C-alpha atoms as a PDB file:
ATOM      1  CA  UNK A   1     168.938 -11.453 164.029  1.00  0.00           C
ATOM      2  CA  UNK A   2     170.291 -11.601 167.585  1.00  0.00           C
ATOM      3  CA  UNK A   3     168.791 -14.318 169.708  1.00  0.00           C
ATOM      4  CA  UNK A   4     168.174 -13.572 173.367  1.00  0.00           C
ATOM      5  CA  UNK A   5     167.360 -15.712 176.345  1.00  0.00           C
ATOM      6  CA  UNK A   6     166.355 -14.881 179.890  1.00  0.00           C
ATOM      7  CA  UNK A   7     169.103 -15.133 182.474  1.00  0.00           C
ATOM      8  CA  UNK A   8     168.231 -15.511 186.165  1.00  0.00           C
ATOM      9  CA  UNK A   9     170.811 -14.511 188.756  1.00  0.00           C
ATOM     10  CA  UNK A  10     169.918 -16.892 191.578  1.00  0.00           C
ATOM     11  CA  UNK A  11     172.188 -15.077 194.012  1.00  0.00           C
ATOM     12  CA  UNK A  12     169.918 -12.001 193.754  1.00  0.00           C
ATOM     13  CA  UNK A  13     166.632 -13.924 193.650  1.00  0.00           C
ATOM     14  CA  UNK A  14     164.559 -14.253 196.823  1.00  0.00           C
ATOM     15  CA  UNK A  15     162.133 -16.810 195.324  1.00  0.00           C
ATOM     16  CA  UNK A  16     159.046 -14.560 195.440  1.00  0.00           C
ATOM     17  CA  UNK A  17     157.645 -16.141 192.235  1.00  0.00           C
ATOM     18  CA  UNK A  18     156.374 -12.905 190.675  1.00  0.00           C
ATOM     19  CA  UNK A  19     158.269 -13.671 187.472  1.00  0.00           C
ATOM     20  CA  UNK A  20     156.465 -16.994 187.128  1.00  0.00           C
ATOM     21  CA  UNK A  21     153.038 -15.470 187.808  1.00  0.00           C
ATOM     22  CA  UNK A  22     153.220 -13.157 184.753  1.00  0.00           C
ATOM     23  CA  UNK A  23     154.247 -15.842 182.274  1.00  0.00           C
ATOM     24  CA  UNK A  24     151.847 -16.945 179.551  1.00  0.00           C
ATOM     25  CA  UNK A  25     153.663 -20.215 178.906  1.00  0.00           C
ATOM     26  CA  UNK A  26     155.261 -23.072 180.803  1.00  0.00           C
ATOM     27  CA  UNK A  27     158.816 -22.129 179.875  1.00  0.00           C
ATOM     28  CA  UNK A  28     159.762 -21.434 183.506  1.00  0.00           C
ATOM     29  CA  UNK A  29     158.804 -22.580 186.963  1.00  0.00           C
ATOM     30  CA  UNK A  30     159.998 -22.644 190.541  1.00  0.00           C
ATOM     31  CA  UNK A  31     162.534 -25.370 191.290  1.00  0.00           C
ATOM     32  CA  UNK A  32     163.731 -25.664 194.870  1.00  0.00           C
ATOM     33  CA  UNK A  33     162.192 -22.249 195.580  1.00  0.00           C
ATOM     34  CA  UNK A  34     163.993 -20.434 192.744  1.00  0.00           C
ATOM     35  CA  UNK A  35     162.815 -19.676 189.190  1.00  0.00           C
ATOM     36  CA  UNK A  36     164.349 -21.759 186.470  1.00  0.00           C
ATOM     37  CA  UNK A  37     163.884 -21.932 182.728  1.00  0.00           C
ATOM     38  CA  UNK A  38     162.333 -25.310 182.052  1.00  0.00           C
ATOM     39  CA  UNK A  39     162.157 -25.035 178.274  1.00  0.00           C
ATOM     40  CA  UNK A  40     164.253 -22.297 176.685  1.00  0.00           C
ATOM     41  CA  UNK A  41     162.594 -22.802 173.300  1.00  0.00           C
ATOM     42  CA  UNK A  42     159.146 -22.073 174.776  1.00  0.00           C
ATOM     43  CA  UNK A  43     160.152 -18.650 176.117  1.00  0.00           C
ATOM     44  CA  UNK A  44     158.083 -16.088 174.201  1.00  0.00           C
ATOM     45  CA  UNK A  45     160.799 -13.454 174.535  1.00  0.00           C
ATOM     46  CA  UNK A  46     158.338 -10.729 175.541  1.00  0.00           C
ATOM     47  CA  UNK A  47     160.191 -10.109 178.783  1.00  0.00           C
ATOM     48  CA  UNK A  48     157.120  -9.773 181.013  1.00  0.00           C
ATOM     49  CA  UNK A  49     159.143 -11.310 183.819  1.00  0.00           C
ATOM     50  CA  UNK A  50     161.921  -8.694 183.806  1.00  0.00           C
ATOM     51  CA  UNK A  51     160.116  -5.620 185.193  1.00  0.00           C
ATOM     52  CA  UNK A  52     158.255  -7.490 187.955  1.00  0.00           C
ATOM     53  CA  UNK A  53     161.400  -8.763 189.664  1.00  0.00           C
ATOM     54  CA  UNK A  54     161.879  -6.653 192.808  1.00  0.00           C
ATOM     55  CA  UNK A  55     165.514  -7.767 193.111  1.00  0.00           C
ATOM     56  CA  UNK A  56     166.613  -7.136 189.509  1.00  0.00           C
ATOM     57  CA  UNK A  57     167.633 -10.767 189.207  1.00  0.00           C
ATOM     58  CA  UNK A  58     166.367 -11.238 185.646  1.00  0.00           C
ATOM     59  CA  UNK A  59     168.022  -9.960 182.498  1.00  0.00           C
ATOM     60  CA  UNK A  60     168.332 -10.785 178.825  1.00  0.00           C
ATOM     61  CA  UNK A  61     171.442 -12.543 177.640  1.00  0.00           C
ATOM     62  CA  UNK A  62     172.406 -12.317 173.985  1.00  0.00           C
ATOM     63  CA  UNK A  63     173.223 -15.626 172.371  1.00  0.00           C
ATOM     64  CA  UNK A  64     175.910 -16.008 169.768  1.00  0.00           C
ATOM     65  CA  UNK A  65     174.054 -16.287 166.426  1.00  0.00           C
ATOM     66  CA  UNK A  66     176.835 -18.539 165.149  1.00  0.00           C
ATOM     67  CA  UNK A  67     176.041 -21.205 167.727  1.00  0.00           C
ATOM     68  CA  UNK A  68     172.230 -20.995 167.870  1.00  0.00           C
ATOM     69  CA  UNK A  69     169.717 -22.440 165.484  1.00  0.00           C
ATOM     70  CA  UNK A  70     167.509 -20.125 163.442  1.00  0.00           C
END
């Protein structure tokens, strides 16, 4: 199984907050006007935040299964 996490490119982000508004958990929030993962383990992995970003600043990043916990 390949683990994935959300990666936010803050250089592309304009801080609109749309990604936070579609979340069903408290895994992310706005910090200093930019989205930030607050609890990576709480991320549901559904990716609802990816398609709402008008700047394309959010993507999935594959984690090395050798270094992540199952």
